[in-house]
């Protein structure tokens, strides 16, 4: 007899003959599906390994690298456990994804510039407080989050600052935010 695809865990079988059930068979352990965990561990290890520790733009504090490495070690202990349940594997994936998000949040980024409506033309967004020569990107607020504001060709609207300012004219109604990118590192939203 065969019972088809089973979830992870330990299973035993019995047989019933003439209404009498046998004792339990030997235990069969079905392993949990760990490919997603192994992939997440590999990716997180690469991120931690490629991180530059320091206090310059794009660098990461040592504490952030250490926290990610600790999360990787914890996930690896689940991956190394042949008796890990699927729930434990899934929890390890979620914990590792959270640790990666926290790692990226700790990256040293430029300060966000300030966006405001122009006092003369309320459809023009004026950006101030940006670094000289920084690339400014415009984002539009959608119900699910911010998306790049694009031109008629589908290219994200950008501007380069002059004297720490930039502007985006003729914008429709809605909520907008901007970022500045310096040396390839993008700030958080304004």
N, C-alpha and C. Protein backbone atom coordinates (compact mmCIF):
# COMPACT_ATOMS: atom_id res chain seq x y z
N UNK A 1 0.84 -1.18 0.00
CA UNK A 1 0.00 0.00 0.00
C UNK A 1 0.88 1.23 0.00
N UNK A 2 0.35 2.32 -0.51
CA UNK A 2 1.08 3.57 -0.57
C UNK A 2 0.14 4.70 -0.14
N UNK A 3 0.69 5.68 0.56
CA UNK A 3 -0.13 6.78 1.05
C UNK A 3 0.15 8.10 0.33
N UNK A 4 0.92 8.07 -0.73
CA UNK A 4 1.16 9.28 -1.51
C UNK A 4 1.97 10.32 -0.76
N UNK A 5 1.93 11.53 -1.25
CA UNK A 5 2.74 12.63 -0.70
C UNK A 5 2.25 13.00 0.69
N UNK A 6 3.17 12.98 1.64
CA UNK A 6 2.85 13.31 3.03
C UNK A 6 3.67 14.51 3.46
N UNK A 7 3.16 15.26 4.39
CA UNK A 7 3.91 16.37 4.97
C UNK A 7 5.03 15.84 5.85
N UNK A 8 5.93 16.72 6.26
CA UNK A 8 7.04 16.28 7.10
C UNK A 8 6.53 15.78 8.44
N UNK A 9 7.26 14.83 9.01
CA UNK A 9 6.90 14.28 10.32
C UNK A 9 7.19 12.80 10.38
N UNK A 10 6.83 12.19 11.48
CA UNK A 10 7.05 10.75 11.70
C UNK A 10 5.73 10.02 11.56
N UNK A 11 5.76 8.91 10.85
CA UNK A 11 4.55 8.14 10.58
C UNK A 11 4.76 6.67 10.92
N UNK A 12 3.69 6.03 11.34
CA UNK A 12 3.65 4.58 11.54
C UNK A 12 2.39 4.07 10.86
N UNK A 13 2.34 2.77 10.60
CA UNK A 13 1.15 2.17 10.01
C UNK A 13 0.72 0.96 10.85
N UNK A 14 -0.50 0.60 10.66
CA UNK A 14 -1.03 -0.63 11.26
C UNK A 14 -1.79 -1.36 10.16
N UNK A 15 -2.10 -2.60 10.42
CA UNK A 15 -2.98 -3.33 9.51
C UNK A 15 -4.11 -3.93 10.34
N UNK A 16 -5.25 -4.06 9.72
CA UNK A 16 -6.40 -4.65 10.39
C UNK A 16 -6.83 -5.89 9.61
N UNK A 17 -6.87 -7.00 10.34
CA UNK A 17 -7.29 -8.27 9.73
C UNK A 17 -8.43 -8.82 10.58
N UNK A 18 -9.53 -9.07 9.94
CA UNK A 18 -10.71 -9.60 10.62
C UNK A 18 -11.09 -8.76 11.83
N UNK A 19 -10.98 -7.42 11.67
CA UNK A 19 -11.39 -6.50 12.71
C UNK A 19 -10.38 -6.32 13.83
N UNK A 20 -9.21 -6.95 13.72
CA UNK A 20 -8.18 -6.83 14.76
C UNK A 20 -7.02 -6.02 14.19
N UNK A 21 -6.71 -4.95 14.90
CA UNK A 21 -5.63 -4.06 14.45
C UNK A 21 -4.30 -4.50 15.03
N UNK A 22 -3.27 -4.45 14.18
CA UNK A 22 -1.93 -4.83 14.61
C UNK A 22 -1.29 -3.73 15.45
N UNK A 23 -0.14 -4.03 15.99
CA UNK A 23 0.63 -2.99 16.69
C UNK A 23 1.26 -2.09 15.63
N UNK A 24 1.86 -0.99 16.10
CA UNK A 24 2.46 -0.02 15.17
C UNK A 24 3.68 -0.61 14.46
N UNK A 25 3.86 -0.18 13.23
CA UNK A 25 5.04 -0.56 12.46
C UNK A 25 6.24 0.26 12.94
N UNK A 26 7.34 0.04 12.28
CA UNK A 26 8.50 0.91 12.54
C UNK A 26 8.15 2.33 12.11
N UNK A 27 8.83 3.30 12.66
CA UNK A 27 8.57 4.71 12.39
C UNK A 27 9.29 5.11 11.10
N UNK A 28 8.57 5.86 10.25
CA UNK A 28 9.14 6.38 9.02
C UNK A 28 9.14 7.91 9.14
N UNK A 29 10.31 8.52 8.94
CA UNK A 29 10.44 9.97 9.04
C UNK A 29 10.45 10.60 7.65
N UNK A 30 9.48 11.46 7.39
CA UNK A 30 9.41 12.20 6.13
C UNK A 30 10.06 13.56 6.40
N UNK A 31 11.15 13.87 5.70
CA UNK A 31 11.86 15.12 5.97
C UNK A 31 11.06 16.34 5.52
N UNK A 32 11.39 17.47 6.14
CA UNK A 32 10.77 18.73 5.74
C UNK A 32 11.39 19.22 4.43
N UNK A 33 10.68 20.08 3.72
CA UNK A 33 11.16 20.68 2.47
C UNK A 33 12.04 21.87 2.85
N UNK A 34 13.34 21.76 2.61
CA UNK A 34 14.27 22.78 3.07
C UNK A 34 14.93 23.57 1.95
N UNK A 35 14.54 23.35 0.71
CA UNK A 35 15.23 24.05 -0.39
C UNK A 35 15.11 25.56 -0.27
N UNK A 36 13.95 26.07 0.15
CA UNK A 36 13.78 27.51 0.33
C UNK A 36 14.68 28.05 1.42
N UNK A 37 14.83 27.28 2.50
CA UNK A 37 15.70 27.69 3.60
C UNK A 37 17.16 27.70 3.16
N UNK A 38 17.56 26.68 2.46
CA UNK A 38 18.96 26.61 2.00
C UNK A 38 19.27 27.75 1.05
N UNK A 39 18.32 28.09 0.17
CA UNK A 39 18.50 29.22 -0.74
C UNK A 39 18.59 30.53 0.04
N UNK A 40 17.72 30.71 1.03
CA UNK A 40 17.73 31.94 1.84
C UNK A 40 19.04 32.06 2.63
N UNK A 41 19.54 30.96 3.14
CA UNK A 41 20.82 30.96 3.87
C UNK A 41 21.94 31.37 2.93
N UNK A 42 21.98 30.77 1.76
CA UNK A 42 23.04 31.08 0.79
C UNK A 42 23.03 32.55 0.41
N UNK A 43 21.84 33.08 0.15
CA UNK A 43 21.71 34.48 -0.22
C UNK A 43 22.15 35.40 0.92
N UNK A 44 21.71 35.10 2.14
CA UNK A 44 22.07 35.94 3.30
C UNK A 44 23.57 35.87 3.58
N UNK A 45 24.16 34.69 3.42
CA UNK A 45 25.61 34.57 3.61
C UNK A 45 26.36 35.43 2.60
N UNK A 46 25.89 35.44 1.37
CA UNK A 46 26.54 36.26 0.34
C UNK A 46 26.41 37.74 0.67
N UNK A 47 25.22 38.16 1.13
CA UNK A 47 25.03 39.58 1.49
C UNK A 47 25.97 39.98 2.62
N UNK A 48 26.05 39.16 3.66
CA UNK A 48 26.93 39.46 4.79
C UNK A 48 28.39 39.45 4.35
N UNK A 49 28.74 38.50 3.48
CA UNK A 49 30.12 38.39 3.01
C UNK A 49 30.54 39.53 2.11
N UNK A 50 29.59 40.10 1.37
CA UNK A 50 29.90 41.19 0.44
C UNK A 50 29.79 42.57 1.09
N UNK A 51 29.31 42.62 2.32
CA UNK A 51 29.11 43.91 2.99
C UNK A 51 30.45 44.53 3.36
N UNK A 52 30.55 45.83 3.16
CA UNK A 52 31.72 46.58 3.60
C UNK A 52 31.37 47.25 4.91
N UNK A 53 32.14 46.92 5.94
CA UNK A 53 31.92 47.50 7.26
C UNK A 53 32.63 48.84 7.31
N UNK A 54 31.92 49.84 7.79
CA UNK A 54 32.52 51.17 7.91
C UNK A 54 31.47 52.22 8.14
N UNK A 55 31.89 53.47 8.02
CA UNK A 55 30.95 54.57 8.27
C UNK A 55 30.79 55.47 7.04
N UNK A 56 31.10 54.95 5.86
CA UNK A 56 30.93 55.68 4.61
C UNK A 56 29.61 55.27 3.95
N UNK A 57 29.15 56.09 3.00
CA UNK A 57 27.93 55.76 2.26
C UNK A 57 28.03 54.36 1.67
N UNK A 58 26.98 53.60 1.84
CA UNK A 58 26.92 52.25 1.29
C UNK A 58 27.49 51.20 2.22
N UNK A 59 28.20 51.61 3.28
CA UNK A 59 28.77 50.67 4.24
C UNK A 59 27.71 50.21 5.22
N UNK A 60 28.06 49.20 6.00
CA UNK A 60 27.19 48.67 7.03
C UNK A 60 27.91 48.72 8.37
N UNK A 61 27.19 49.02 9.45
CA UNK A 61 27.80 48.94 10.78
C UNK A 61 28.16 47.49 11.09
N UNK A 62 29.22 47.27 11.86
CA UNK A 62 29.62 45.92 12.23
C UNK A 62 28.47 45.18 12.92
N UNK A 63 27.71 45.89 13.74
CA UNK A 63 26.60 45.25 14.45
C UNK A 63 25.57 44.67 13.48
N UNK A 64 25.34 45.32 12.35
CA UNK A 64 24.38 44.82 11.36
C UNK A 64 24.89 43.54 10.71
N UNK A 65 26.19 43.49 10.40
CA UNK A 65 26.78 42.30 9.81
C UNK A 65 26.75 41.15 10.83
N UNK A 66 27.06 41.47 12.09
CA UNK A 66 27.05 40.45 13.14
C UNK A 66 25.64 39.90 13.34
N UNK A 67 24.63 40.77 13.34
CA UNK A 67 23.24 40.32 13.53
C UNK A 67 22.81 39.42 12.38
N UNK A 68 23.18 39.76 11.16
CA UNK A 68 22.83 38.92 10.02
C UNK A 68 23.55 37.58 10.11
N UNK A 69 24.83 37.60 10.49
CA UNK A 69 25.58 36.35 10.64
C UNK A 69 24.97 35.46 11.71
N UNK A 70 24.50 36.05 12.79
CA UNK A 70 23.84 35.28 13.85
C UNK A 70 22.54 34.65 13.33
N UNK A 71 21.78 35.41 12.57
CA UNK A 71 20.54 34.90 11.99
C UNK A 71 20.82 33.76 11.02
N UNK A 72 21.91 33.87 10.25
CA UNK A 72 22.29 32.81 9.32
C UNK A 72 22.64 31.55 10.11
N UNK A 73 23.40 31.70 11.19
CA UNK A 73 23.79 30.54 12.01
C UNK A 73 22.56 29.86 12.60
N UNK A 74 21.60 30.65 13.04
CA UNK A 74 20.37 30.09 13.61
C UNK A 74 19.59 29.31 12.54
N UNK A 75 19.49 29.90 11.35
CA UNK A 75 18.79 29.22 10.26
C UNK A 75 19.54 27.95 9.84
N UNK A 76 20.86 28.02 9.87
CA UNK A 76 21.66 26.85 9.49
C UNK A 76 21.45 25.71 10.47
N UNK A 77 21.24 26.02 11.76
CA UNK A 77 21.01 24.95 12.74
C UNK A 77 19.69 24.24 12.44
N UNK A 78 18.70 24.97 11.95
CA UNK A 78 17.44 24.33 11.55
C UNK A 78 17.67 23.48 10.31
N UNK A 79 18.42 24.00 9.35
CA UNK A 79 18.69 23.26 8.12
C UNK A 79 19.49 21.98 8.39
N UNK A 80 20.33 22.03 9.40
CA UNK A 80 21.16 20.86 9.75
C UNK A 80 20.39 19.82 10.57
N UNK A 81 19.20 20.17 11.03
CA UNK A 81 18.42 19.26 11.87
C UNK A 81 17.54 18.38 11.00
N UNK A 82 17.86 17.09 10.89
CA UNK A 82 17.04 16.22 10.03
C UNK A 82 15.62 16.03 10.57
N UNK A 83 15.40 16.36 11.85
CA UNK A 83 14.07 16.21 12.44
C UNK A 83 13.28 17.51 12.46
N UNK A 84 13.80 18.55 11.82
CA UNK A 84 13.10 19.84 11.80
C UNK A 84 11.75 19.69 11.11
N UNK A 85 10.74 20.26 11.73
CA UNK A 85 9.40 20.21 11.12
C UNK A 85 9.30 21.28 10.04
N UNK A 86 8.29 21.17 9.22
CA UNK A 86 8.08 22.18 8.18
C UNK A 86 7.80 23.54 8.82
N UNK A 87 7.09 23.54 9.94
CA UNK A 87 6.81 24.80 10.64
C UNK A 87 8.11 25.45 11.11
N UNK A 88 9.05 24.65 11.60
CA UNK A 88 10.34 25.19 12.04
C UNK A 88 11.14 25.74 10.85
N UNK A 89 11.09 25.03 9.73
CA UNK A 89 11.78 25.49 8.52
C UNK A 89 11.17 26.81 8.04
N UNK A 90 9.85 26.86 7.99
CA UNK A 90 9.18 28.08 7.55
C UNK A 90 9.47 29.25 8.48
N UNK A 91 9.49 28.99 9.80
CA UNK A 91 9.81 30.04 10.77
C UNK A 91 11.24 30.53 10.59
N UNK A 92 12.16 29.61 10.29
CA UNK A 92 13.57 30.00 10.06
C UNK A 92 13.70 30.86 8.81
N UNK A 93 12.95 30.54 7.76
CA UNK A 93 12.96 31.36 6.54
C UNK A 93 12.45 32.76 6.85
N UNK A 94 11.33 32.84 7.57
CA UNK A 94 10.76 34.14 7.92
C UNK A 94 11.70 34.96 8.78
N UNK A 95 12.34 34.31 9.76
CA UNK A 95 13.28 35.02 10.63
C UNK A 95 14.48 35.51 9.84
N UNK A 96 14.96 34.72 8.91
CA UNK A 96 16.11 35.12 8.09
C UNK A 96 15.73 36.26 7.15
N UNK A 97 14.54 36.21 6.57
CA UNK A 97 14.09 37.31 5.70
C UNK A 97 13.97 38.61 6.49
N UNK A 98 13.49 38.53 7.72
CA UNK A 98 13.40 39.71 8.59
C UNK A 98 14.80 40.24 8.88
N UNK A 99 15.73 39.35 9.17
CA UNK A 99 17.11 39.76 9.46
C UNK A 99 17.76 40.45 8.26
N UNK A 100 17.49 39.95 7.05
CA UNK A 100 18.03 40.57 5.84
C UNK A 100 17.43 41.97 5.66
N UNK A 101 16.13 42.12 5.90
CA UNK A 101 15.50 43.44 5.81
C UNK A 101 16.11 44.41 6.81
N UNK A 102 16.33 43.95 8.03
CA UNK A 102 16.94 44.79 9.06
C UNK A 102 18.39 45.14 8.69
N UNK A 103 19.08 44.21 8.07
CA UNK A 103 20.45 44.43 7.62
C UNK A 103 20.48 45.58 6.61
N UNK A 104 19.60 45.53 5.61
CA UNK A 104 19.57 46.60 4.60
C UNK A 104 19.13 47.93 5.19
N UNK A 105 18.24 47.88 6.17
CA UNK A 105 17.80 49.13 6.81
C UNK A 105 18.95 49.80 7.56
N UNK A 106 19.95 49.03 7.97
CA UNK A 106 21.09 49.58 8.71
C UNK A 106 22.17 50.16 7.80
N UNK A 107 22.06 49.94 6.49
CA UNK A 107 23.07 50.46 5.57
C UNK A 107 23.15 51.98 5.68
N UNK A 108 24.35 52.50 5.64
CA UNK A 108 24.55 53.95 5.75
C UNK A 108 24.16 54.57 4.41
N UNK A 109 23.17 55.45 4.49
CA UNK A 109 22.59 56.07 3.29
C UNK A 109 22.67 57.58 3.40
N UNK A 110 22.58 58.25 2.26
CA UNK A 110 22.53 59.72 2.31
C UNK A 110 21.24 60.17 2.98
N UNK A 111 21.26 61.35 3.53
CA UNK A 111 20.04 61.92 4.11
C UNK A 111 19.02 62.13 3.00
N UNK A 112 17.76 61.96 3.33
CA UNK A 112 16.70 62.19 2.35
C UNK A 112 16.53 63.69 2.12
N UNK A 113 16.38 64.11 0.88
CA UNK A 113 16.11 65.53 0.62
C UNK A 113 14.68 65.87 1.01
N UNK A 114 14.33 67.12 0.90
CA UNK A 114 12.99 67.59 1.22
C UNK A 114 12.25 67.93 -0.07
N UNK A 115 11.00 67.48 -0.17
CA UNK A 115 10.17 67.80 -1.34
C UNK A 115 9.01 68.66 -0.88
N UNK A 116 8.68 69.67 -1.66
CA UNK A 116 7.56 70.56 -1.36
C UNK A 116 6.98 71.08 -2.67
N UNK A 117 5.77 71.58 -2.60
CA UNK A 117 5.17 72.20 -3.78
C UNK A 117 5.74 73.60 -3.96
N UNK A 118 5.94 73.97 -5.21
CA UNK A 118 6.44 75.31 -5.53
C UNK A 118 5.40 76.35 -5.11
N UNK A 119 5.85 77.45 -4.56
CA UNK A 119 4.92 78.48 -4.08
C UNK A 119 4.21 79.20 -5.23
N UNK A 120 4.77 79.18 -6.44
CA UNK A 120 4.15 79.85 -7.58
C UNK A 120 3.32 78.87 -8.40
N UNK A 121 3.85 77.68 -8.66
CA UNK A 121 3.15 76.68 -9.46
C UNK A 121 2.90 75.45 -8.59
N UNK A 122 1.67 75.24 -8.12
CA UNK A 122 1.39 74.12 -7.22
C UNK A 122 1.46 72.74 -7.87
N UNK A 123 1.78 72.67 -9.16
CA UNK A 123 1.95 71.39 -9.83
C UNK A 123 3.43 71.07 -10.05
N UNK A 124 4.30 71.89 -9.50
CA UNK A 124 5.74 71.65 -9.58
C UNK A 124 6.25 71.26 -8.20
N UNK A 125 7.02 70.19 -8.17
CA UNK A 125 7.62 69.71 -6.93
C UNK A 125 9.05 70.23 -6.88
N UNK A 126 9.38 70.94 -5.82
CA UNK A 126 10.72 71.49 -5.63
C UNK A 126 11.43 70.65 -4.58
N UNK A 127 12.66 70.27 -4.89
CA UNK A 127 13.47 69.45 -3.99
C UNK A 127 14.59 70.32 -3.46
N UNK A 128 14.74 70.33 -2.14
CA UNK A 128 15.83 71.07 -1.50
C UNK A 128 16.55 70.15 -0.52
N UNK A 129 17.70 70.61 -0.07
CA UNK A 129 18.46 69.85 0.92
C UNK A 129 19.17 68.66 0.35
N UNK A 130 19.35 68.62 -0.96
CA UNK A 130 20.06 67.52 -1.59
C UNK A 130 21.53 67.88 -1.77
N UNK A 131 22.36 66.88 -1.91
CA UNK A 131 23.78 67.11 -2.14
C UNK A 131 24.01 67.57 -3.58
N UNK A 132 24.99 68.38 -3.77
CA UNK A 132 25.32 68.90 -5.10
C UNK A 132 25.64 67.74 -6.04
N UNK A 133 24.97 67.73 -7.20
CA UNK A 133 25.22 66.71 -8.22
C UNK A 133 24.52 65.39 -7.97
N UNK A 134 23.74 65.29 -6.90
CA UNK A 134 23.03 64.04 -6.61
C UNK A 134 21.93 63.81 -7.63
N UNK A 135 21.67 62.55 -7.93
CA UNK A 135 20.55 62.20 -8.79
C UNK A 135 19.30 62.11 -7.90
N UNK A 136 18.27 62.84 -8.29
CA UNK A 136 17.01 62.85 -7.54
C UNK A 136 16.01 62.00 -8.32
N UNK A 137 15.33 61.09 -7.61
CA UNK A 137 14.31 60.24 -8.23
C UNK A 137 12.96 60.57 -7.61
N UNK A 138 11.93 60.59 -8.46
CA UNK A 138 10.58 60.91 -8.04
C UNK A 138 9.74 59.63 -7.99
N UNK A 139 8.98 59.47 -6.89
CA UNK A 139 8.10 58.31 -6.70
C UNK A 139 6.68 58.81 -6.43
N UNK A 140 5.69 58.05 -6.90
CA UNK A 140 4.28 58.36 -6.72
C UNK A 140 3.66 57.34 -5.78
N UNK A 141 2.79 57.79 -4.89
CA UNK A 141 2.17 56.88 -3.93
C UNK A 141 0.96 56.19 -4.55
N UNK A 142 1.03 54.86 -4.55
CA UNK A 142 -0.08 54.00 -4.97
C UNK A 142 -0.64 53.34 -3.71
N UNK A 143 -1.81 52.71 -3.77
CA UNK A 143 -2.38 52.07 -2.57
C UNK A 143 -1.45 51.04 -1.94
N UNK A 144 -0.60 50.39 -2.73
CA UNK A 144 0.27 49.33 -2.22
C UNK A 144 1.68 49.83 -1.90
N UNK A 145 1.97 51.09 -2.08
CA UNK A 145 3.30 51.64 -1.79
C UNK A 145 3.72 52.64 -2.85
N UNK A 146 4.98 53.05 -2.78
CA UNK A 146 5.50 54.03 -3.72
C UNK A 146 6.09 53.34 -4.95
N UNK A 147 5.80 53.90 -6.11
CA UNK A 147 6.30 53.37 -7.38
C UNK A 147 7.02 54.50 -8.11
N UNK A 148 8.02 54.15 -8.93
CA UNK A 148 8.71 55.20 -9.67
C UNK A 148 7.75 55.97 -10.57
N UNK A 149 7.87 57.27 -10.56
CA UNK A 149 7.10 58.11 -11.49
C UNK A 149 7.84 58.07 -12.82
N UNK A 150 7.13 57.76 -13.91
CA UNK A 150 7.79 57.56 -15.20
C UNK A 150 7.28 58.55 -16.24
N UNK A 151 8.09 58.74 -17.28
CA UNK A 151 7.69 59.59 -18.39
C UNK A 151 6.92 58.75 -19.40
N UNK A 152 6.56 59.35 -20.54
CA UNK A 152 5.77 58.65 -21.56
C UNK A 152 6.49 57.46 -22.16
N UNK A 153 7.81 57.36 -21.99
CA UNK A 153 8.58 56.23 -22.50
C UNK A 153 8.82 55.16 -21.46
N UNK A 154 8.27 55.36 -20.26
CA UNK A 154 8.44 54.37 -19.20
C UNK A 154 9.72 54.52 -18.40
N UNK A 155 10.45 55.62 -18.59
CA UNK A 155 11.69 55.85 -17.85
C UNK A 155 11.39 56.62 -16.56
N UNK A 156 12.05 56.21 -15.48
CA UNK A 156 11.83 56.90 -14.21
C UNK A 156 12.28 58.34 -14.32
N UNK A 157 11.45 59.24 -13.77
CA UNK A 157 11.80 60.66 -13.77
C UNK A 157 12.92 60.92 -12.78
N UNK A 158 13.97 61.55 -13.27
CA UNK A 158 15.12 61.89 -12.44
C UNK A 158 15.54 63.32 -12.76
N UNK A 159 16.28 63.89 -11.84
CA UNK A 159 16.87 65.22 -12.04
C UNK A 159 18.20 65.23 -11.31
N UNK A 160 19.10 66.07 -11.75
CA UNK A 160 20.38 66.24 -11.07
C UNK A 160 20.36 67.60 -10.39
N UNK A 161 20.81 67.62 -9.15
CA UNK A 161 20.73 68.86 -8.37
C UNK A 161 21.73 69.90 -8.84
N UNK A 162 21.31 71.14 -8.75
CA UNK A 162 22.17 72.30 -8.96
C UNK A 162 21.98 73.17 -7.73
N UNK A 163 23.07 73.51 -7.09
CA UNK A 163 23.01 74.27 -5.84
C UNK A 163 22.11 73.60 -4.81
N UNK A 164 22.10 72.26 -4.81
CA UNK A 164 21.33 71.51 -3.82
C UNK A 164 19.85 71.44 -4.05
N UNK A 165 19.38 71.91 -5.23
CA UNK A 165 17.95 71.88 -5.52
C UNK A 165 17.68 71.24 -6.87
N UNK A 166 16.45 70.80 -7.05
CA UNK A 166 15.98 70.26 -8.32
C UNK A 166 14.47 70.43 -8.34
N UNK A 167 13.84 70.25 -9.49
CA UNK A 167 12.38 70.36 -9.54
C UNK A 167 11.82 69.42 -10.59
N UNK A 168 10.55 69.06 -10.38
CA UNK A 168 9.79 68.23 -11.31
C UNK A 168 8.50 68.99 -11.61
N UNK A 169 8.35 69.49 -12.83
CA UNK A 169 7.19 70.30 -13.20
C UNK A 169 6.02 69.47 -13.67
N UNK A 170 4.87 70.12 -13.73
CA UNK A 170 3.63 69.58 -14.29
C UNK A 170 3.26 68.21 -13.73
N UNK A 171 3.17 68.10 -12.43
CA UNK A 171 2.77 66.85 -11.81
C UNK A 171 1.28 66.88 -11.55
N UNK A 172 0.64 65.76 -11.71
CA UNK A 172 -0.78 65.64 -11.43
C UNK A 172 -1.03 65.53 -9.94
N UNK A 173 -2.30 65.53 -9.58
CA UNK A 173 -2.67 65.42 -8.17
C UNK A 173 -2.21 64.08 -7.62
N UNK A 174 -1.81 64.07 -6.37
CA UNK A 174 -1.38 62.84 -5.71
C UNK A 174 -0.28 63.12 -4.72
N UNK A 175 0.21 62.06 -4.11
CA UNK A 175 1.29 62.15 -3.13
C UNK A 175 2.59 61.67 -3.77
N UNK A 176 3.64 62.42 -3.57
CA UNK A 176 4.94 62.12 -4.15
C UNK A 176 6.01 62.14 -3.06
N UNK A 177 7.07 61.38 -3.28
CA UNK A 177 8.26 61.44 -2.44
C UNK A 177 9.46 61.42 -3.38
N UNK A 178 10.61 61.82 -2.86
CA UNK A 178 11.84 61.81 -3.64
C UNK A 178 12.95 61.12 -2.85
N UNK A 179 13.96 60.69 -3.57
CA UNK A 179 15.19 60.18 -2.96
C UNK A 179 16.35 60.88 -3.65
N UNK A 180 17.52 60.80 -3.03
CA UNK A 180 18.73 61.23 -3.72
C UNK A 180 19.71 60.07 -3.72
N UNK A 181 20.44 59.94 -4.83
CA UNK A 181 21.43 58.89 -4.96
C UNK A 181 22.80 59.55 -5.07
N UNK A 182 23.68 59.12 -4.17
CA UNK A 182 25.05 59.62 -4.13
C UNK A 182 25.97 58.42 -4.16
N UNK A 183 26.90 58.41 -5.08
CA UNK A 183 27.87 57.29 -5.21
C UNK A 183 27.17 55.95 -5.29
N UNK A 184 26.03 55.91 -5.98
CA UNK A 184 25.32 54.65 -6.16
C UNK A 184 24.47 54.21 -4.99
N UNK A 185 24.40 55.03 -3.92
CA UNK A 185 23.61 54.66 -2.73
C UNK A 185 22.41 55.59 -2.67
N UNK A 186 21.21 54.99 -2.64
CA UNK A 186 19.96 55.76 -2.63
C UNK A 186 19.51 56.02 -1.19
N UNK A 187 19.06 57.23 -0.93
CA UNK A 187 18.54 57.59 0.38
C UNK A 187 17.18 56.93 0.60
N UNK A 188 16.67 57.07 1.81
CA UNK A 188 15.29 56.67 2.06
C UNK A 188 14.38 57.73 1.44
N UNK A 189 13.06 57.51 1.47
CA UNK A 189 12.12 58.47 0.92
C UNK A 189 12.10 59.74 1.75
N UNK A 190 11.78 60.84 1.06
CA UNK A 190 11.68 62.14 1.76
C UNK A 190 10.44 62.15 2.63
